[in-house]
Amino acid sequence: MARNKIETVMSYDQWEQEHKRRTKKAIHDTIQGLTRDIATAMIILALPLGMVVHFLLSTGY
C-alpha cells in the first residue's frame, strides 16, 4: 500500500532558510568526501612511491 506523501507548507523566508541550510550541508558533505578521497589516494599511491624513492636514494641510484 502506498503511503501518502506529506507536503510541508512554508513561507518564502522559511524556504529560503531551508534552502541555505541544505546548500551549506551539500557543500560541506562534498568537501568532506573529497578530503576523504584525497587521503585514501595518498595512502594508496604516495606511501609506496615514497618507499621506492627512499630505496633508490639510499642505494645510490
N, C-alpha and C. Protein backbone atom coordinates (compact mmCIF):
# COMPACT_ATOMS: atom_id res chain seq x y z
N MET A 1 0.85 -1.17 0.00
CA MET A 1 0.00 0.00 0.00
C MET A 1 0.90 1.24 0.00
N ALA A 2 0.57 2.18 -0.86
CA ALA A 2 1.38 3.39 -0.99
C ALA A 2 1.10 4.35 0.17
N ARG A 3 2.15 4.97 0.64
CA ARG A 3 1.99 5.96 1.71
C ARG A 3 1.71 7.31 1.09
N ASN A 4 0.95 8.09 1.79
CA ASN A 4 0.68 9.45 1.33
C ASN A 4 1.88 10.33 1.65
N LYS A 5 2.30 11.10 0.66
CA LYS A 5 3.43 12.00 0.86
C LYS A 5 2.95 13.23 1.63
N ILE A 6 3.69 13.58 2.66
CA ILE A 6 3.34 14.74 3.46
C ILE A 6 3.99 15.96 2.84
N GLU A 7 3.18 16.94 2.50
CA GLU A 7 3.69 18.17 1.91
C GLU A 7 3.79 19.23 3.00
N THR A 8 4.94 19.85 3.08
CA THR A 8 5.17 20.89 4.07
C THR A 8 4.92 22.24 3.43
N VAL A 9 4.09 23.02 4.08
CA VAL A 9 3.81 24.37 3.59
C VAL A 9 4.63 25.34 4.42
N MET A 10 5.39 26.20 3.73
CA MET A 10 6.21 27.16 4.45
C MET A 10 6.24 28.47 3.68
N SER A 11 6.58 29.51 4.40
CA SER A 11 6.67 30.82 3.77
C SER A 11 7.96 30.90 2.95
N TYR A 12 8.08 31.96 2.17
CA TYR A 12 9.28 32.12 1.35
C TYR A 12 10.51 32.28 2.23
N ASP A 13 10.39 33.01 3.34
CA ASP A 13 11.53 33.18 4.25
C ASP A 13 11.97 31.84 4.85
N GLN A 14 11.00 31.03 5.23
CA GLN A 14 11.33 29.71 5.76
C GLN A 14 11.99 28.85 4.69
N TRP A 15 11.46 28.91 3.47
CA TRP A 15 12.03 28.14 2.37
C TRP A 15 13.46 28.59 2.09
N GLU A 16 13.67 29.92 2.13
CA GLU A 16 14.99 30.47 1.87
C GLU A 16 16.00 29.97 2.91
N GLN A 17 15.60 29.95 4.18
CA GLN A 17 16.49 29.45 5.24
C GLN A 17 16.78 27.97 5.04
N GLU A 18 15.76 27.21 4.71
CA GLU A 18 15.94 25.77 4.49
C GLU A 18 16.84 25.50 3.29
N HIS A 19 16.66 26.28 2.23
CA HIS A 19 17.49 26.13 1.04
C HIS A 19 18.95 26.46 1.35
N LYS A 20 19.17 27.52 2.12
CA LYS A 20 20.53 27.91 2.50
C LYS A 20 21.18 26.81 3.35
N ARG A 21 20.41 26.25 4.28
CA ARG A 21 20.93 25.19 5.14
C ARG A 21 21.29 23.95 4.33
N ARG A 22 20.42 23.57 3.41
CA ARG A 22 20.69 22.38 2.59
C ARG A 22 21.86 22.60 1.64
N THR A 23 22.00 23.82 1.13
CA THR A 23 23.13 24.13 0.25
C THR A 23 24.44 24.04 1.02
N LYS A 24 24.48 24.62 2.22
CA LYS A 24 25.68 24.54 3.05
C LYS A 24 26.03 23.09 3.38
N LYS A 25 25.00 22.30 3.70
CA LYS A 25 25.23 20.89 4.03
C LYS A 25 25.77 20.14 2.82
N ALA A 26 25.25 20.42 1.64
CA ALA A 26 25.73 19.75 0.42
C ALA A 26 27.18 20.11 0.14
N ILE A 27 27.53 21.38 0.31
CA ILE A 27 28.92 21.82 0.10
C ILE A 27 29.83 21.16 1.14
N HIS A 28 29.40 21.14 2.39
CA HIS A 28 30.19 20.53 3.46
C HIS A 28 30.40 19.04 3.18
N ASP A 29 29.35 18.33 2.79
CA ASP A 29 29.47 16.90 2.50
C ASP A 29 30.39 16.65 1.32
N THR A 30 30.33 17.51 0.30
CA THR A 30 31.19 17.36 -0.87
C THR A 30 32.66 17.55 -0.50
N ILE A 31 32.94 18.59 0.29
CA ILE A 31 34.32 18.84 0.72
C ILE A 31 34.82 17.70 1.59
N GLN A 32 33.98 17.20 2.47
CA GLN A 32 34.37 16.09 3.34
C GLN A 32 34.65 14.83 2.51
N GLY A 33 33.84 14.57 1.51
CA GLY A 33 34.07 13.41 0.64
C GLY A 33 35.35 13.54 -0.16
N LEU A 34 35.62 14.74 -0.69
CA LEU A 34 36.86 14.96 -1.44
C LEU A 34 38.09 14.80 -0.55
N THR A 35 38.00 15.31 0.67
CA THR A 35 39.11 15.17 1.61
C THR A 35 39.38 13.70 1.91
N ARG A 36 38.31 12.94 2.11
CA ARG A 36 38.46 11.50 2.37
C ARG A 36 39.09 10.80 1.16
N ASP A 37 38.65 11.15 -0.05
CA ASP A 37 39.20 10.54 -1.26
C ASP A 37 40.67 10.89 -1.45
N ILE A 38 41.04 12.13 -1.17
CA ILE A 38 42.44 12.55 -1.29
C ILE A 38 43.30 11.80 -0.28
N ALA A 39 42.81 11.66 0.95
CA ALA A 39 43.57 10.93 1.97
C ALA A 39 43.75 9.47 1.56
N THR A 40 42.72 8.86 1.02
CA THR A 40 42.82 7.47 0.58
C THR A 40 43.82 7.34 -0.56
N ALA A 41 43.78 8.28 -1.51
CA ALA A 41 44.72 8.25 -2.62
C ALA A 41 46.15 8.43 -2.13
N MET A 42 46.35 9.29 -1.14
CA MET A 42 47.69 9.50 -0.59
C MET A 42 48.21 8.21 0.04
N ILE A 43 47.36 7.50 0.76
CA ILE A 43 47.79 6.25 1.39
C ILE A 43 48.11 5.20 0.33
N ILE A 44 47.25 5.10 -0.68
CA ILE A 44 47.42 4.07 -1.70
C ILE A 44 48.58 4.38 -2.64
N LEU A 45 48.75 5.64 -3.02
CA LEU A 45 49.75 6.00 -4.03
C LEU A 45 51.04 6.56 -3.45
N ALA A 46 50.94 7.53 -2.56
CA ALA A 46 52.12 8.25 -2.11
C ALA A 46 53.02 7.39 -1.22
N LEU A 47 52.44 6.57 -0.40
CA LEU A 47 53.25 5.75 0.50
C LEU A 47 54.15 4.78 -0.26
N PRO A 48 53.62 3.99 -1.20
CA PRO A 48 54.52 3.11 -1.97
C PRO A 48 55.53 3.88 -2.82
N LEU A 49 55.11 4.98 -3.43
CA LEU A 49 56.05 5.77 -4.22
C LEU A 49 57.16 6.34 -3.35
N GLY A 50 56.81 6.78 -2.16
CA GLY A 50 57.83 7.27 -1.23
C GLY A 50 58.81 6.18 -0.83
N MET A 51 58.31 4.97 -0.65
CA MET A 51 59.20 3.85 -0.32
C MET A 51 60.16 3.56 -1.47
N VAL A 52 59.68 3.61 -2.70
CA VAL A 52 60.54 3.37 -3.86
C VAL A 52 61.59 4.47 -3.97
N VAL A 53 61.18 5.72 -3.82
CA VAL A 53 62.13 6.83 -3.89
C VAL A 53 63.17 6.71 -2.78
N HIS A 54 62.74 6.37 -1.59
CA HIS A 54 63.67 6.20 -0.48
C HIS A 54 64.67 5.09 -0.78
N PHE A 55 64.19 3.98 -1.33
CA PHE A 55 65.08 2.88 -1.69
C PHE A 55 66.10 3.32 -2.73
N LEU A 56 65.63 4.03 -3.77
CA LEU A 56 66.54 4.47 -4.83
C LEU A 56 67.58 5.45 -4.30
N LEU A 57 67.16 6.36 -3.43
CA LEU A 57 68.11 7.33 -2.88
C LEU A 57 69.09 6.68 -1.91
N SER A 58 68.63 5.71 -1.14
CA SER A 58 69.51 5.10 -0.14
C SER A 58 70.51 4.14 -0.76
N THR A 59 70.19 3.58 -1.94
CA THR A 59 71.13 2.66 -2.58
C THR A 59 72.06 3.37 -3.55
N GLY A 60 71.85 4.64 -3.81
CA GLY A 60 72.75 5.41 -4.63
C GLY A 60 72.41 5.46 -6.10
N TYR A 61 71.20 5.09 -6.49
CA TYR A 61 70.81 5.18 -7.90
C TYR A 61 70.55 6.60 -8.31
